[in-house]
Amino acid sequence: AWYTSVQQEYATRRSAGNALLTRLGCTVAGGQAGMFVWARTPDHAPEAKVLSNAILHQAHVFITPGSIFGPAGERYLRLSLCSPLETLETAAERLAGFTIPGHGGGAA
């Protein structure tokens, strides 16, 4: 029962994380598992570190730039699912008005 409840909780968090990243214009590949969601950044977005810093400073939400894990992560963000659902919902609210640097037309 405990294992099933943990699986359900992470599935709920994953759904919220996927929605948050999709609203940013990122592409989330299906079939991911574990405590993180990886998402490809939009082509018009700056490099992952610049985008992550902009998200942190403008929306006060930290999403890890994939580039810290090596060059293959350059166009990716990694979102942790270790926080409660309420925290992910708060992050989504903070990102509602976020504009990707250099894009000017909203998150996507």
C-alpha atoms as a PDB file:
ATOM      1  CA  ALA A   1       0.000   0.000   0.000  1.00  0.00           C
ATOM      2  CA  TRP A   2       2.841   2.410   0.847  1.00  0.00           C
ATOM      3  CA  TYR A   3       4.571   1.775  -2.485  1.00  0.00           C
ATOM      4  CA  THR A   4       1.351   2.360  -4.408  1.00  0.00           C
ATOM      5  CA  SER A   5       0.694   5.625  -2.561  1.00  0.00           C
ATOM      6  CA  VAL A   6       4.231   6.857  -3.322  1.00  0.00           C
ATOM      7  CA  GLN A   7       3.815   5.959  -6.994  1.00  0.00           C
ATOM      8  CA  GLN A   8       0.514   7.843  -7.118  1.00  0.00           C
ATOM      9  CA  GLU A   9       2.024  10.895  -5.400  1.00  0.00           C
ATOM     10  CA  TYR A  10       4.937  11.047  -7.855  1.00  0.00           C
ATOM     11  CA  ALA A  11       2.578  10.557 -10.808  1.00  0.00           C
ATOM     12  CA  THR A  12       0.585  13.577  -9.588  1.00  0.00           C
ATOM     13  CA  ARG A  13       3.760  15.626  -9.118  1.00  0.00           C
ATOM     14  CA  ARG A  14       5.043  14.529 -12.557  1.00  0.00           C
ATOM     15  CA  SER A  15       1.827  15.682 -14.182  1.00  0.00           C
ATOM     16  CA  ALA A  16       2.126  19.090 -12.474  1.00  0.00           C
ATOM     17  CA  GLY A  17       5.813  19.338 -13.414  1.00  0.00           C
ATOM     18  CA  ASN A  18       5.111  18.413 -17.028  1.00  0.00           C
ATOM     19  CA  ALA A  19       2.406  21.090 -17.210  1.00  0.00           C
ATOM     20  CA  LEU A  20       4.729  23.701 -15.696  1.00  0.00           C
ATOM     21  CA  LEU A  21       7.515  22.938 -18.175  1.00  0.00           C
ATOM     22  CA  THR A  22       5.120  22.790 -21.111  1.00  0.00           C
ATOM     23  CA  ARG A  23       3.805  26.262 -20.198  1.00  0.00           C
ATOM     24  CA  LEU A  24       7.396  27.477 -20.454  1.00  0.00           C
ATOM     25  CA  GLY A  25       7.442  26.192 -24.027  1.00  0.00           C
ATOM     26  CA  CYS A  26       9.636  23.200 -23.197  1.00  0.00           C
ATOM     27  CA  THR A  27       9.165  19.754 -24.692  1.00  0.00           C
ATOM     28  CA  VAL A  28       8.798  16.941 -22.182  1.00  0.00           C
ATOM     29  CA  ALA A  29       9.500  13.462 -23.508  1.00  0.00           C
ATOM     30  CA  GLY A  30       7.119  10.748 -22.379  1.00  0.00           C
ATOM     31  CA  GLY A  31       8.154   7.642 -20.510  1.00  0.00           C
ATOM     32  CA  GLN A  32      10.291   9.375 -17.890  1.00  0.00           C
ATOM     33  CA  ALA A  33      10.520   7.844 -14.421  1.00  0.00           C
ATOM     34  CA  GLY A  34      12.134   8.788 -11.153  1.00  0.00           C
ATOM     35  CA  MET A  35      12.277  11.976  -9.123  1.00  0.00           C
ATOM     36  CA  PHE A  36      13.047  14.412 -11.947  1.00  0.00           C
ATOM     37  CA  VAL A  37      11.511  15.620 -15.206  1.00  0.00           C
ATOM     38  CA  TRP A  38      13.827  16.545 -18.064  1.00  0.00           C
ATOM     39  CA  ALA A  39      12.543  18.951 -20.715  1.00  0.00           C
ATOM     40  CA  ARG A  40      14.068  20.362 -23.886  1.00  0.00           C
ATOM     41  CA  THR A  41      14.064  24.138 -23.921  1.00  0.00           C
ATOM     42  CA  PRO A  42      12.463  26.012 -26.828  1.00  0.00           C
ATOM     43  CA  ASP A  43      14.770  26.750 -29.742  1.00  0.00           C
ATOM     44  CA  HIS A  44      14.282  30.515 -29.242  1.00  0.00           C
ATOM     45  CA  ALA A  45      15.341  30.306 -25.576  1.00  0.00           C
ATOM     46  CA  PRO A  46      18.857  31.178 -24.430  1.00  0.00           C
ATOM     47  CA  GLU A  47      21.210  28.482 -23.173  1.00  0.00           C
ATOM     48  CA  ALA A  48      19.910  26.483 -20.209  1.00  0.00           C
ATOM     49  CA  LYS A  49      22.021  28.287 -17.566  1.00  0.00           C
ATOM     50  CA  VAL A  50      20.802  31.704 -18.742  1.00  0.00           C
ATOM     51  CA  LEU A  51      17.199  30.511 -18.854  1.00  0.00           C
ATOM     52  CA  SER A  52      17.440  28.896 -15.414  1.00  0.00           C
ATOM     53  CA  ASN A  53      18.912  32.095 -13.942  1.00  0.00           C
ATOM     54  CA  ALA A  54      16.175  34.214 -15.529  1.00  0.00           C
ATOM     55  CA  ILE A  55      13.508  31.910 -14.078  1.00  0.00           C
ATOM     56  CA  LEU A  56      15.150  32.134 -10.656  1.00  0.00           C
ATOM     57  CA  HIS A  57      15.515  35.919 -10.646  1.00  0.00           C
ATOM     58  CA  GLN A  58      12.189  36.800 -12.262  1.00  0.00           C
ATOM     59  CA  ALA A  59       9.867  34.136 -10.840  1.00  0.00           C
ATOM     60  CA  HIS A  60      11.836  32.961  -7.774  1.00  0.00           C
ATOM     61  CA  VAL A  61      11.670  29.349  -8.955  1.00  0.00           C
ATOM     62  CA  PHE A  62      14.769  27.177  -9.269  1.00  0.00           C
ATOM     63  CA  ILE A  63      14.872  24.697 -12.139  1.00  0.00           C
ATOM     64  CA  THR A  64      18.244  23.067 -12.703  1.00  0.00           C
ATOM     65  CA  PRO A  65      19.962  23.752 -16.028  1.00  0.00           C
ATOM     66  CA  GLY A  66      20.771  20.410 -17.641  1.00  0.00           C
ATOM     67  CA  SER A  67      24.145  21.738 -18.755  1.00  0.00           C
ATOM     68  CA  ILE A  68      25.580  21.233 -15.256  1.00  0.00           C
ATOM     69  CA  PHE A  69      25.391  17.499 -15.977  1.00  0.00           C
ATOM     70  CA  GLY A  70      27.447  17.823 -19.158  1.00  0.00           C
ATOM     71  CA  PRO A  71      27.204  19.125 -22.726  1.00  0.00           C
ATOM     72  CA  ALA A  72      24.347  16.757 -23.650  1.00  0.00           C
ATOM     73  CA  GLY A  73      22.142  18.671 -21.190  1.00  0.00           C
ATOM     74  CA  GLU A  74      22.730  22.095 -22.745  1.00  0.00           C
ATOM     75  CA  ARG A  75      19.225  22.502 -24.209  1.00  0.00           C
ATOM     76  CA  TYR A  76      17.482  20.944 -21.193  1.00  0.00           C
ATOM     77  CA  LEU A  77      16.039  21.871 -17.827  1.00  0.00           C
ATOM     78  CA  ARG A  78      15.674  19.350 -14.987  1.00  0.00           C
ATOM     79  CA  LEU A  79      12.796  19.811 -12.562  1.00  0.00           C
ATOM     80  CA  SER A  80      12.825  18.029  -9.220  1.00  0.00           C
ATOM     81  CA  LEU A  81       9.680  16.232  -8.130  1.00  0.00           C
ATOM     82  CA  CYS A  82      10.889  15.949  -4.523  1.00  0.00           C
ATOM     83  CA  SER A  83       8.800  18.915  -3.382  1.00  0.00           C
ATOM     84  CA  PRO A  84       5.141  18.551  -2.396  1.00  0.00           C
ATOM     85  CA  LEU A  85       2.469  19.177  -5.021  1.00  0.00           C
ATOM     86  CA  GLU A  86       1.615  22.496  -3.366  1.00  0.00           C
ATOM     87  CA  THR A  87       5.165  23.731  -4.017  1.00  0.00           C
ATOM     88  CA  LEU A  88       4.944  22.783  -7.692  1.00  0.00           C
ATOM     89  CA  GLU A  89       1.590  24.578  -7.919  1.00  0.00           C
ATOM     90  CA  THR A  90       3.120  27.699  -6.332  1.00  0.00           C
ATOM     91  CA  ALA A  91       6.001  27.527  -8.824  1.00  0.00           C
ATOM     92  CA  ALA A  92       3.511  27.316 -11.702  1.00  0.00           C
ATOM     93  CA  GLU A  93       1.687  30.398 -10.364  1.00  0.00           C
ATOM     94  CA  ARG A  94       4.973  32.322 -10.117  1.00  0.00           C
ATOM     95  CA  LEU A  95       5.866  31.343 -13.680  1.00  0.00           C
ATOM     96  CA  ALA A  96       2.505  32.481 -15.090  1.00  0.00           C
ATOM     97  CA  GLY A  97       3.919  35.871 -16.092  1.00  0.00           C
ATOM     98  CA  PHE A  98       7.448  34.733 -16.921  1.00  0.00           C
ATOM     99  CA  THR A  99       8.891  35.863 -20.251  1.00  0.00           C
ATOM    100  CA  ILE A 100      11.792  34.000 -21.851  1.00  0.00           C
ATOM    101  CA  PRO A 101      14.699  36.463 -22.232  1.00  0.00           C
ATOM    102  CA  GLY A 102      14.916  37.855 -25.732  1.00  0.00           C
ATOM    103  CA  HIS A 103      11.516  36.482 -26.718  1.00  0.00           C
ATOM    104  CA  GLY A 104       9.179  39.136 -25.344  1.00  0.00           C
ATOM    105  CA  GLY A 105       5.937  37.302 -26.036  1.00  0.00           C
ATOM    106  CA  GLY A 106       5.232  35.271 -22.902  1.00  0.00           C
ATOM    107  CA  ALA A 107       6.714  32.031 -21.744  1.00  0.00           C
ATOM    108  CA  ALA A 108       6.458  30.077 -24.955  1.00  0.00           C
END
